[in-house]
Amino acid sequence: MFTPTEGDTATGGQGSPVDGITCDPTMSNNYHVHVFLGVYVNGTQLALPIAIGMQNPGAPSAGFIDTASCFYHIHTHDSSDIVHVEDPDPNNVPITGTMYTLQNVLDVWGITAGPDNFGQFNGPVEVFTSGQVFRGDDANSGVVPVSDLTYWGNNPNTVPLYSHEVIIVEVGPTYPTSLPGVFFYLEN
């Protein structure tokens, strides 16, 4: 089982702007959406690192980090595979719109992906998405069923980050025989 290193890699966001995305001392709620990014390598699900997009993250409390010297507008607080998109200036993008792609997440994290690799893992890549545009907090009790997933292609970089989007990246040659539904937790 892969145990990811906390935070960004040496080539990822280390406090300097990445793709024009700054690392700010506080998080914003002007535009705040959640995206699920599930990564499977040869059929085994891997956890995303805690504190992607955080510079000098604080200690986790109950597995959740909410302090850092700065936060990129794209970050993870825990290893739930939920990516938080919290932008202070949504440029009039509605909550049903999108501001970023998976490429931006990967650039902040400091990994590359393409048709034949996802970070350090090599093999044919298949990407599935829910095409999920925000349906409201009570839609399906926050669950996105696996039946909502459709084949995106083999390039994960171009997937848009919509609210409650489910993105599954599979690196083969062996793929999982089934995928679970995804539950989006609500924040207070």
N, C-alpha and C. Protein backbone atom coordinates (compact mmCIF):
# COMPACT_ATOMS: atom_id res chain seq x y z
N MET A 1 0.85 -1.18 0.00
CA MET A 1 0.00 0.00 0.00
C MET A 1 0.89 1.23 0.00
N PHE A 2 0.54 2.17 -0.82
CA PHE A 2 1.27 3.43 -0.95
C PHE A 2 0.89 4.36 0.19
N THR A 3 1.88 4.83 0.91
CA THR A 3 1.65 5.82 1.96
C THR A 3 2.27 7.12 1.47
N PRO A 4 1.44 8.09 1.05
CA PRO A 4 1.99 9.28 0.43
C PRO A 4 2.71 10.18 1.43
N THR A 5 3.69 10.88 0.94
CA THR A 5 4.38 11.88 1.74
C THR A 5 3.46 13.07 1.93
N GLU A 6 3.47 13.63 3.12
CA GLU A 6 2.64 14.79 3.41
C GLU A 6 3.03 15.97 2.52
N GLY A 7 2.01 16.67 2.02
CA GLY A 7 2.23 17.92 1.30
C GLY A 7 2.69 17.75 -0.13
N ASP A 8 3.22 18.84 -0.66
CA ASP A 8 3.65 18.89 -2.05
C ASP A 8 5.03 18.28 -2.22
N THR A 9 5.33 17.84 -3.43
CA THR A 9 6.67 17.37 -3.73
C THR A 9 7.60 18.57 -3.86
N ALA A 10 8.88 18.31 -4.01
CA ALA A 10 9.87 19.39 -4.13
C ALA A 10 9.63 20.25 -5.36
N THR A 11 8.97 19.70 -6.38
CA THR A 11 8.70 20.46 -7.60
C THR A 11 7.32 21.10 -7.59
N GLY A 12 6.57 20.91 -6.52
CA GLY A 12 5.23 21.49 -6.42
C GLY A 12 5.25 22.83 -5.72
N GLY A 13 4.07 23.25 -5.30
CA GLY A 13 3.94 24.54 -4.65
C GLY A 13 4.72 24.59 -3.35
N GLN A 14 5.65 25.44 -3.26
CA GLN A 14 6.46 25.62 -2.05
C GLN A 14 6.32 27.07 -1.56
N GLY A 15 5.15 27.65 -1.80
CA GLY A 15 4.89 29.02 -1.38
C GLY A 15 4.85 30.02 -2.52
N SER A 16 5.53 29.70 -3.62
CA SER A 16 5.52 30.58 -4.80
C SER A 16 4.29 30.30 -5.64
N PRO A 17 3.81 31.28 -6.42
CA PRO A 17 2.65 31.03 -7.29
C PRO A 17 2.87 29.85 -8.24
N VAL A 18 1.82 29.08 -8.45
CA VAL A 18 1.84 27.96 -9.38
C VAL A 18 0.65 28.15 -10.32
N ASP A 19 0.90 28.20 -11.61
CA ASP A 19 -0.16 28.41 -12.60
C ASP A 19 -0.96 29.68 -12.29
N GLY A 20 -0.31 30.68 -11.71
CA GLY A 20 -0.99 31.91 -11.33
C GLY A 20 -1.78 31.80 -10.02
N ILE A 21 -1.72 30.64 -9.38
CA ILE A 21 -2.43 30.40 -8.12
C ILE A 21 -1.50 30.75 -6.97
N THR A 22 -1.90 31.69 -6.13
CA THR A 22 -1.06 32.12 -5.03
C THR A 22 -1.29 31.27 -3.79
N CYS A 23 -0.34 31.38 -2.88
CA CYS A 23 -0.44 30.72 -1.59
C CYS A 23 -0.73 31.83 -0.58
N ASP A 24 -1.95 31.85 -0.06
CA ASP A 24 -2.42 32.95 0.78
C ASP A 24 -2.44 32.54 2.25
N PRO A 25 -2.32 33.52 3.17
CA PRO A 25 -2.27 33.19 4.60
C PRO A 25 -3.58 32.62 5.15
N THR A 26 -4.70 32.85 4.47
CA THR A 26 -5.99 32.31 4.91
C THR A 26 -6.72 31.70 3.73
N MET A 27 -7.68 30.85 4.03
CA MET A 27 -8.53 30.26 3.00
C MET A 27 -9.74 31.17 2.78
N SER A 28 -10.30 31.10 1.59
CA SER A 28 -11.44 31.96 1.25
C SER A 28 -12.69 31.12 1.05
N ASN A 29 -13.84 31.69 1.33
CA ASN A 29 -15.11 31.03 1.04
C ASN A 29 -15.86 31.73 -0.09
N ASN A 30 -15.19 32.63 -0.81
CA ASN A 30 -15.86 33.30 -1.93
C ASN A 30 -16.28 32.30 -3.00
N TYR A 31 -15.44 31.33 -3.28
CA TYR A 31 -15.74 30.22 -4.19
C TYR A 31 -15.16 28.99 -3.51
N HIS A 32 -16.01 28.09 -3.03
CA HIS A 32 -15.55 26.95 -2.26
C HIS A 32 -16.31 25.71 -2.72
N VAL A 33 -15.60 24.80 -3.40
CA VAL A 33 -16.21 23.55 -3.87
C VAL A 33 -15.29 22.39 -3.50
N HIS A 34 -15.85 21.18 -3.55
CA HIS A 34 -15.10 19.96 -3.26
C HIS A 34 -15.14 19.04 -4.47
N VAL A 35 -14.01 18.38 -4.71
CA VAL A 35 -13.85 17.44 -5.82
C VAL A 35 -13.25 16.17 -5.23
N PHE A 36 -13.74 15.01 -5.65
CA PHE A 36 -13.16 13.73 -5.22
C PHE A 36 -12.19 13.26 -6.29
N LEU A 37 -10.96 12.95 -5.88
CA LEU A 37 -9.95 12.41 -6.78
C LEU A 37 -9.51 11.05 -6.26
N GLY A 38 -10.01 10.00 -6.89
CA GLY A 38 -9.64 8.64 -6.53
C GLY A 38 -8.57 8.14 -7.48
N VAL A 39 -7.50 7.59 -6.94
CA VAL A 39 -6.40 7.08 -7.76
C VAL A 39 -6.25 5.59 -7.45
N TYR A 40 -6.28 4.78 -8.51
CA TYR A 40 -6.12 3.34 -8.39
C TYR A 40 -4.92 2.92 -9.23
N VAL A 41 -4.02 2.16 -8.62
CA VAL A 41 -2.86 1.64 -9.33
C VAL A 41 -2.94 0.13 -9.28
N ASN A 42 -3.03 -0.47 -10.45
CA ASN A 42 -3.18 -1.92 -10.57
C ASN A 42 -4.29 -2.46 -9.67
N GLY A 43 -5.40 -1.72 -9.61
CA GLY A 43 -6.58 -2.15 -8.90
C GLY A 43 -6.65 -1.77 -7.43
N THR A 44 -5.58 -1.19 -6.89
CA THR A 44 -5.55 -0.81 -5.47
C THR A 44 -5.71 0.70 -5.34
N GLN A 45 -6.66 1.12 -4.50
CA GLN A 45 -6.86 2.55 -4.30
C GLN A 45 -5.76 3.11 -3.42
N LEU A 46 -5.24 4.27 -3.82
CA LEU A 46 -4.21 4.96 -3.07
C LEU A 46 -4.79 6.20 -2.42
N ALA A 47 -4.25 6.59 -1.30
CA ALA A 47 -4.70 7.81 -0.62
C ALA A 47 -3.94 9.01 -1.17
N LEU A 48 -4.65 10.13 -1.31
CA LEU A 48 -3.97 11.38 -1.64
C LEU A 48 -3.21 11.85 -0.41
N PRO A 49 -2.11 12.54 -0.60
CA PRO A 49 -1.39 13.08 0.56
C PRO A 49 -2.22 14.12 1.31
N ILE A 50 -2.07 14.13 2.61
CA ILE A 50 -2.64 15.19 3.42
C ILE A 50 -1.79 16.45 3.18
N ALA A 51 -2.41 17.60 3.14
CA ALA A 51 -1.73 18.90 3.05
C ALA A 51 -1.11 19.21 1.69
N ILE A 52 -1.66 18.63 0.61
CA ILE A 52 -1.28 19.14 -0.71
C ILE A 52 -1.71 20.60 -0.74
N GLY A 53 -0.88 21.48 -1.27
CA GLY A 53 -1.26 22.88 -1.39
C GLY A 53 -1.20 23.67 -0.10
N MET A 54 -0.45 23.19 0.87
CA MET A 54 -0.25 23.91 2.13
C MET A 54 1.24 24.06 2.39
N GLN A 55 1.66 25.26 2.70
CA GLN A 55 3.05 25.50 3.07
C GLN A 55 3.16 25.45 4.59
N ASN A 56 4.09 24.66 5.10
CA ASN A 56 4.30 24.50 6.54
C ASN A 56 3.00 24.16 7.27
N PRO A 57 2.37 23.05 6.90
CA PRO A 57 1.11 22.70 7.55
C PRO A 57 1.29 22.39 9.03
N GLY A 58 0.24 22.71 9.79
CA GLY A 58 0.24 22.39 11.22
C GLY A 58 -0.03 20.92 11.42
N ALA A 59 -0.06 20.52 12.66
CA ALA A 59 -0.33 19.12 13.00
C ALA A 59 -1.80 18.80 12.74
N PRO A 60 -2.08 17.60 12.27
CA PRO A 60 -3.48 17.23 12.06
C PRO A 60 -4.21 17.04 13.39
N SER A 61 -5.48 17.39 13.40
CA SER A 61 -6.35 17.13 14.53
C SER A 61 -7.44 16.20 14.02
N ALA A 62 -7.52 15.01 14.55
CA ALA A 62 -8.45 13.97 14.08
C ALA A 62 -8.25 13.73 12.58
N GLY A 63 -6.99 13.78 12.12
CA GLY A 63 -6.67 13.50 10.73
C GLY A 63 -6.92 14.65 9.77
N PHE A 64 -7.24 15.83 10.28
CA PHE A 64 -7.60 16.99 9.45
C PHE A 64 -6.67 18.15 9.79
N ILE A 65 -6.04 18.73 8.76
CA ILE A 65 -5.15 19.88 8.95
C ILE A 65 -5.89 21.14 8.51
N ASP A 66 -5.94 22.12 9.38
CA ASP A 66 -6.58 23.38 8.99
C ASP A 66 -5.72 24.60 9.30
N THR A 67 -4.43 24.36 9.59
CA THR A 67 -3.51 25.47 9.79
C THR A 67 -2.28 25.28 8.92
N ALA A 68 -1.75 26.38 8.42
CA ALA A 68 -0.54 26.38 7.59
C ALA A 68 -0.08 27.83 7.48
N SER A 69 1.16 28.02 7.07
CA SER A 69 1.62 29.40 6.88
C SER A 69 0.96 30.01 5.65
N CYS A 70 0.59 29.17 4.67
CA CYS A 70 -0.21 29.65 3.55
C CYS A 70 -0.90 28.47 2.87
N PHE A 71 -2.00 28.79 2.19
CA PHE A 71 -2.83 27.79 1.51
C PHE A 71 -2.98 28.17 0.04
N TYR A 72 -2.70 27.23 -0.84
CA TYR A 72 -3.05 27.44 -2.25
C TYR A 72 -4.56 27.33 -2.38
N HIS A 73 -5.11 27.89 -3.42
CA HIS A 73 -6.56 27.87 -3.62
C HIS A 73 -7.05 26.45 -3.89
N ILE A 74 -6.12 25.54 -4.16
CA ILE A 74 -6.41 24.11 -4.35
C ILE A 74 -5.58 23.36 -3.33
N HIS A 75 -6.23 22.58 -2.44
CA HIS A 75 -5.49 21.89 -1.39
C HIS A 75 -6.29 20.71 -0.84
N THR A 76 -5.59 19.88 -0.05
CA THR A 76 -6.25 18.79 0.68
C THR A 76 -6.04 19.03 2.17
N HIS A 77 -7.06 18.72 2.96
CA HIS A 77 -6.96 18.84 4.41
C HIS A 77 -6.68 17.51 5.08
N ASP A 78 -6.99 16.41 4.37
CA ASP A 78 -6.86 15.08 4.95
C ASP A 78 -6.61 14.09 3.82
N SER A 79 -6.69 12.81 4.12
CA SER A 79 -6.45 11.77 3.11
C SER A 79 -7.76 11.14 2.64
N SER A 80 -8.85 11.91 2.65
CA SER A 80 -10.15 11.41 2.21
C SER A 80 -10.31 11.42 0.70
N ASP A 81 -9.31 11.92 -0.02
CA ASP A 81 -9.33 12.08 -1.48
C ASP A 81 -10.20 13.25 -1.92
N ILE A 82 -10.60 14.09 -0.97
CA ILE A 82 -11.36 15.29 -1.30
C ILE A 82 -10.37 16.45 -1.52
N VAL A 83 -10.48 17.07 -2.68
CA VAL A 83 -9.68 18.26 -3.01
C VAL A 83 -10.58 19.47 -2.79
N HIS A 84 -10.08 20.44 -2.04
CA HIS A 84 -10.82 21.67 -1.75
C HIS A 84 -10.37 22.74 -2.74
N VAL A 85 -11.32 23.41 -3.35
CA VAL A 85 -11.05 24.54 -4.22
C VAL A 85 -11.67 25.75 -3.53
N GLU A 86 -10.81 26.63 -3.03
CA GLU A 86 -11.27 27.79 -2.25
C GLU A 86 -10.57 29.02 -2.81
N ASP A 87 -11.24 29.72 -3.70
CA ASP A 87 -10.64 30.85 -4.38
C ASP A 87 -11.22 32.16 -3.87
N PRO A 88 -10.36 33.15 -3.58
CA PRO A 88 -10.86 34.42 -3.06
C PRO A 88 -11.51 35.30 -4.13
N ASP A 89 -11.20 35.05 -5.40
CA ASP A 89 -11.72 35.89 -6.47
C ASP A 89 -12.27 35.01 -7.59
N PRO A 90 -13.52 34.62 -7.48
CA PRO A 90 -14.07 33.69 -8.48
C PRO A 90 -14.34 34.32 -9.84
N ASN A 91 -14.04 35.60 -10.03
CA ASN A 91 -14.24 36.25 -11.33
C ASN A 91 -15.62 35.99 -11.89
N ASN A 92 -16.62 36.08 -11.03
CA ASN A 92 -18.02 35.89 -11.42
C ASN A 92 -18.32 34.49 -11.93
N VAL A 93 -17.51 33.50 -11.54
CA VAL A 93 -17.80 32.11 -11.88
C VAL A 93 -18.83 31.61 -10.86
N PRO A 94 -19.99 31.15 -11.33
CA PRO A 94 -20.98 30.65 -10.38
C PRO A 94 -20.53 29.34 -9.77
N ILE A 95 -21.17 28.94 -8.68
CA ILE A 95 -20.83 27.70 -7.99
C ILE A 95 -21.01 26.50 -8.92
N THR A 96 -21.81 26.63 -9.96
CA THR A 96 -21.99 25.56 -10.94
C THR A 96 -20.92 25.58 -12.02
N GLY A 97 -20.04 26.58 -12.00
CA GLY A 97 -18.97 26.69 -12.98
C GLY A 97 -17.69 26.06 -12.48
N THR A 98 -16.64 26.26 -13.23
CA THR A 98 -15.34 25.71 -12.85
C THR A 98 -14.26 26.73 -13.13
N MET A 99 -13.27 26.76 -12.26
CA MET A 99 -12.16 27.69 -12.40
C MET A 99 -10.85 26.99 -12.75
N TYR A 100 -10.77 25.70 -12.45
CA TYR A 100 -9.51 24.98 -12.58
C TYR A 100 -9.72 23.61 -13.22
N THR A 101 -8.59 22.99 -13.56
CA THR A 101 -8.61 21.61 -14.06
C THR A 101 -7.73 20.76 -13.14
N LEU A 102 -7.76 19.47 -13.38
CA LEU A 102 -6.91 18.57 -12.59
C LEU A 102 -5.43 18.91 -12.80
N GLN A 103 -5.08 19.46 -13.96
CA GLN A 103 -3.69 19.88 -14.19
C GLN A 103 -3.22 20.85 -13.11
N ASN A 104 -4.10 21.77 -12.70
CA ASN A 104 -3.72 22.72 -11.65
C ASN A 104 -3.45 22.02 -10.32
N VAL A 105 -4.26 21.02 -9.98
CA VAL A 105 -4.02 20.24 -8.75
C VAL A 105 -2.66 19.57 -8.83
N LEU A 106 -2.39 18.94 -9.96
CA LEU A 106 -1.14 18.21 -10.12
C LEU A 106 0.06 19.14 -10.09
N ASP A 107 -0.07 20.34 -10.66
CA ASP A 107 1.03 21.31 -10.64
C ASP A 107 1.31 21.80 -9.23
N VAL A 108 0.26 22.09 -8.45
CA VAL A 108 0.46 22.50 -7.06
C VAL A 108 1.09 21.36 -6.27
N TRP A 109 0.61 20.14 -6.50
CA TRP A 109 1.14 18.96 -5.82
C TRP A 109 2.58 18.69 -6.25
N GLY A 110 2.89 18.96 -7.53
CA GLY A 110 4.24 18.74 -8.04
C GLY A 110 4.44 17.41 -8.70
N ILE A 111 3.38 16.87 -9.31
CA ILE A 111 3.52 15.61 -10.05
C ILE A 111 3.02 15.82 -11.47
N THR A 112 3.42 14.93 -12.35
CA THR A 112 2.97 14.97 -13.74
C THR A 112 2.10 13.76 -14.01
N ALA A 113 1.26 13.89 -15.03
CA ALA A 113 0.40 12.78 -15.44
C ALA A 113 0.17 12.87 -16.94
N GLY A 114 -0.15 11.75 -17.50
CA GLY A 114 -0.45 11.68 -18.92
C GLY A 114 -1.04 10.32 -19.24
N PRO A 115 -1.12 9.97 -20.51
CA PRO A 115 -1.72 8.70 -20.91
C PRO A 115 -0.99 7.45 -20.40
N ASP A 116 0.28 7.61 -19.98
CA ASP A 116 1.08 6.46 -19.57
C ASP A 116 1.65 6.56 -18.16
N ASN A 117 1.22 7.58 -17.39
CA ASN A 117 1.71 7.67 -16.01
C ASN A 117 0.82 8.60 -15.19
N PHE A 118 0.87 8.39 -13.89
CA PHE A 118 0.28 9.30 -12.93
C PHE A 118 1.28 9.41 -11.80
N GLY A 119 2.01 10.53 -11.76
CA GLY A 119 3.08 10.68 -10.79
C GLY A 119 4.12 9.60 -10.99
N GLN A 120 4.48 8.93 -9.92
CA GLN A 120 5.53 7.91 -9.95
C GLN A 120 5.05 6.58 -10.54
N PHE A 121 3.76 6.46 -10.83
CA PHE A 121 3.20 5.19 -11.28
C PHE A 121 3.07 5.17 -12.79
N ASN A 122 3.63 4.12 -13.40
CA ASN A 122 3.61 3.99 -14.86
C ASN A 122 2.67 2.89 -15.30
N GLY A 123 2.06 3.10 -16.44
CA GLY A 123 1.14 2.14 -17.03
C GLY A 123 0.05 2.90 -17.76
N PRO A 124 -0.76 2.19 -18.53
CA PRO A 124 -1.84 2.86 -19.24
C PRO A 124 -2.82 3.51 -18.26
N VAL A 125 -3.23 4.73 -18.57
CA VAL A 125 -4.12 5.50 -17.71
C VAL A 125 -5.52 5.56 -18.31
N GLU A 126 -6.52 5.34 -17.47
CA GLU A 126 -7.92 5.54 -17.85
C GLU A 126 -8.54 6.49 -16.84
N VAL A 127 -9.34 7.44 -17.32
CA VAL A 127 -9.95 8.43 -16.44
C VAL A 127 -11.46 8.36 -16.60
N PHE A 128 -12.16 8.35 -15.46
CA PHE A 128 -13.62 8.37 -15.44
C PHE A 128 -14.05 9.57 -14.61
N THR A 129 -15.13 10.22 -15.02
CA THR A 129 -15.64 11.36 -14.26
C THR A 129 -17.15 11.25 -14.13
N SER A 130 -17.66 12.03 -13.20
CA SER A 130 -19.11 12.05 -13.02
C SER A 130 -19.74 13.16 -13.85
N GLY A 131 -18.89 14.07 -14.41
CA GLY A 131 -19.46 15.20 -15.12
C GLY A 131 -20.36 15.98 -14.19
N GLN A 132 -20.03 15.93 -12.92
CA GLN A 132 -20.92 16.39 -11.86
C GLN A 132 -20.94 17.90 -11.76
N VAL A 133 -22.05 18.48 -12.12
CA VAL A 133 -22.28 19.89 -11.85
C VAL A 133 -23.09 19.95 -10.56
N PHE A 134 -22.81 20.91 -9.71
CA PHE A 134 -23.41 21.03 -8.39
C PHE A 134 -24.91 20.76 -8.42
N ARG A 135 -25.36 19.80 -7.59
CA ARG A 135 -26.77 19.43 -7.53
C ARG A 135 -27.42 19.86 -6.23
N GLY A 136 -26.68 20.52 -5.37
CA GLY A 136 -27.23 20.91 -4.07
C GLY A 136 -26.75 19.97 -3.00
N ASP A 137 -26.67 20.45 -1.77
CA ASP A 137 -26.12 19.67 -0.67
C ASP A 137 -26.95 18.44 -0.32
N ASP A 138 -28.25 18.44 -0.65
CA ASP A 138 -29.07 17.30 -0.26
C ASP A 138 -29.29 16.29 -1.39
N ALA A 139 -28.69 16.52 -2.55
CA ALA A 139 -28.87 15.60 -3.67
C ALA A 139 -28.28 14.24 -3.32
N ASN A 140 -29.11 13.21 -3.38
CA ASN A 140 -28.68 11.83 -3.09
C ASN A 140 -27.98 11.73 -1.73
N SER A 141 -28.33 12.57 -0.79
CA SER A 141 -27.70 12.59 0.54
C SER A 141 -26.19 12.75 0.45
N GLY A 142 -25.72 13.46 -0.56
CA GLY A 142 -24.29 13.70 -0.72
C GLY A 142 -23.54 12.57 -1.40
N VAL A 143 -24.23 11.54 -1.88
CA VAL A 143 -23.58 10.39 -2.50
C VAL A 143 -23.65 10.51 -4.02
N VAL A 144 -22.51 10.32 -4.67
CA VAL A 144 -22.46 10.25 -6.13
C VAL A 144 -22.29 8.78 -6.47
N PRO A 145 -23.32 8.14 -7.05
CA PRO A 145 -23.21 6.71 -7.33
C PRO A 145 -22.23 6.42 -8.46
N VAL A 146 -21.61 5.26 -8.40
CA VAL A 146 -20.65 4.88 -9.43
C VAL A 146 -21.31 4.83 -10.81
N SER A 147 -22.62 4.62 -10.85
CA SER A 147 -23.33 4.58 -12.14
C SER A 147 -23.29 5.93 -12.85
N ASP A 148 -22.95 7.01 -12.13
CA ASP A 148 -22.84 8.33 -12.74
C ASP A 148 -21.53 8.52 -13.49
N LEU A 149 -20.57 7.61 -13.34
CA LEU A 149 -19.27 7.78 -13.95
C LEU A 149 -19.28 7.43 -15.43
N THR A 150 -18.58 8.24 -16.21
CA THR A 150 -18.41 7.97 -17.64
C THR A 150 -16.93 8.08 -17.99
N TYR A 151 -16.55 7.39 -19.05
CA TYR A 151 -15.16 7.39 -19.49
C TYR A 151 -14.79 8.76 -20.02
N TRP A 152 -13.73 9.36 -19.47
CA TRP A 152 -13.25 10.67 -19.91
C TRP A 152 -12.22 10.53 -21.02
N GLY A 153 -11.31 9.59 -20.86
CA GLY A 153 -10.21 9.41 -21.81
C GLY A 153 -8.98 8.97 -21.05
N ASN A 154 -7.81 9.19 -21.65
CA ASN A 154 -6.59 8.75 -20.98
C ASN A 154 -5.69 9.92 -20.54
N ASN A 155 -6.21 11.15 -20.62
CA ASN A 155 -5.44 12.31 -20.18
C ASN A 155 -6.14 12.98 -19.00
N PRO A 156 -5.64 12.77 -17.78
CA PRO A 156 -6.30 13.35 -16.63
C PRO A 156 -6.15 14.86 -16.52
N ASN A 157 -5.20 15.45 -17.21
CA ASN A 157 -4.89 16.87 -17.04
C ASN A 157 -6.03 17.81 -17.40
N THR A 158 -6.88 17.42 -18.32
CA THR A 158 -7.90 18.34 -18.83
C THR A 158 -9.24 18.26 -18.11
N VAL A 159 -9.35 17.42 -17.09
CA VAL A 159 -10.63 17.25 -16.40
C VAL A 159 -10.95 18.52 -15.60
N PRO A 160 -12.11 19.14 -15.83
CA PRO A 160 -12.48 20.33 -15.07
C PRO A 160 -12.89 19.97 -13.65
N LEU A 161 -12.67 20.91 -12.73
CA LEU A 161 -13.00 20.69 -11.32
C LEU A 161 -14.32 21.37 -10.99
N TYR A 162 -15.41 20.66 -11.23
CA TYR A 162 -16.74 21.15 -10.86
C TYR A 162 -17.04 20.78 -9.41
N SER A 163 -17.96 21.48 -8.79
CA SER A 163 -18.39 21.13 -7.46
C SER A 163 -18.97 19.72 -7.48
N HIS A 164 -18.53 18.90 -6.55
CA HIS A 164 -18.95 17.51 -6.39
C HIS A 164 -18.61 16.65 -7.60
N GLU A 165 -17.58 17.05 -8.33
CA GLU A 165 -17.06 16.23 -9.42
C GLU A 165 -16.35 15.02 -8.83
N VAL A 166 -16.57 13.87 -9.41
CA VAL A 166 -15.83 12.66 -9.04
C VAL A 166 -14.89 12.35 -10.19
N ILE A 167 -13.62 12.25 -9.87
CA ILE A 167 -12.60 11.91 -10.86
C ILE A 167 -11.91 10.64 -10.39
N ILE A 168 -11.93 9.63 -11.22
CA ILE A 168 -11.24 8.37 -10.92
C ILE A 168 -10.14 8.20 -11.97
N VAL A 169 -8.92 8.08 -11.49
CA VAL A 169 -7.76 7.83 -12.36
C VAL A 169 -7.30 6.41 -12.08
N GLU A 170 -7.27 5.60 -13.13
CA GLU A 170 -6.81 4.22 -13.01
C GLU A 170 -5.52 4.07 -13.80
N VAL A 171 -4.50 3.53 -13.14
CA VAL A 171 -3.23 3.25 -13.79
C VAL A 171 -3.09 1.73 -13.84
N GLY A 172 -2.91 1.19 -15.04
CA GLY A 172 -2.91 -0.26 -15.22
C GLY A 172 -1.53 -0.84 -15.37
N PRO A 173 -1.50 -2.06 -15.83
CA PRO A 173 -2.45 -2.70 -16.73
C PRO A 173 -3.63 -3.38 -16.07
N THR A 174 -3.63 -3.52 -14.75
CA THR A 174 -4.76 -4.13 -14.07
C THR A 174 -5.63 -3.03 -13.49
N TYR A 175 -6.95 -3.11 -13.71
CA TYR A 175 -7.87 -2.10 -13.22
C TYR A 175 -8.83 -2.73 -12.22
N PRO A 176 -9.42 -1.93 -11.32
CA PRO A 176 -10.37 -2.50 -10.36
C PRO A 176 -11.59 -3.06 -11.07
N THR A 177 -12.16 -4.10 -10.50
CA THR A 177 -13.35 -4.71 -11.10
C THR A 177 -14.61 -3.92 -10.78
N SER A 178 -14.57 -3.14 -9.71
CA SER A 178 -15.72 -2.29 -9.36
C SER A 178 -15.21 -1.08 -8.59
N LEU A 179 -16.03 -0.04 -8.57
CA LEU A 179 -15.69 1.18 -7.85
C LEU A 179 -16.81 1.52 -6.87
N PRO A 180 -16.47 2.11 -5.75
CA PRO A 180 -17.52 2.49 -4.79
C PRO A 180 -18.17 3.81 -5.19
N GLY A 181 -19.38 4.06 -4.66
CA GLY A 181 -19.96 5.39 -4.77
C GLY A 181 -19.14 6.33 -3.90
N VAL A 182 -19.28 7.62 -4.12
CA VAL A 182 -18.50 8.60 -3.38
C VAL A 182 -19.43 9.46 -2.55
N PHE A 183 -19.06 9.66 -1.28
CA PHE A 183 -19.83 10.49 -0.38
C PHE A 183 -19.09 11.80 -0.14
N PHE A 184 -19.79 12.92 -0.34
CA PHE A 184 -19.22 14.23 -0.05
C PHE A 184 -19.72 14.67 1.32
N TYR A 185 -18.78 14.87 2.25
CA TYR A 185 -19.16 15.34 3.57
C TYR A 185 -19.45 16.83 3.52
N LEU A 186 -20.27 17.29 4.40
CA LEU A 186 -20.63 18.71 4.47
C LEU A 186 -19.82 19.37 5.56
N GLU A 187 -19.41 20.61 5.30
CA GLU A 187 -18.66 21.37 6.30
C GLU A 187 -19.56 22.39 6.94
N ASN A 188 -19.29 22.69 8.19
CA ASN A 188 -20.03 23.74 8.88
C ASN A 188 -19.31 25.05 8.76
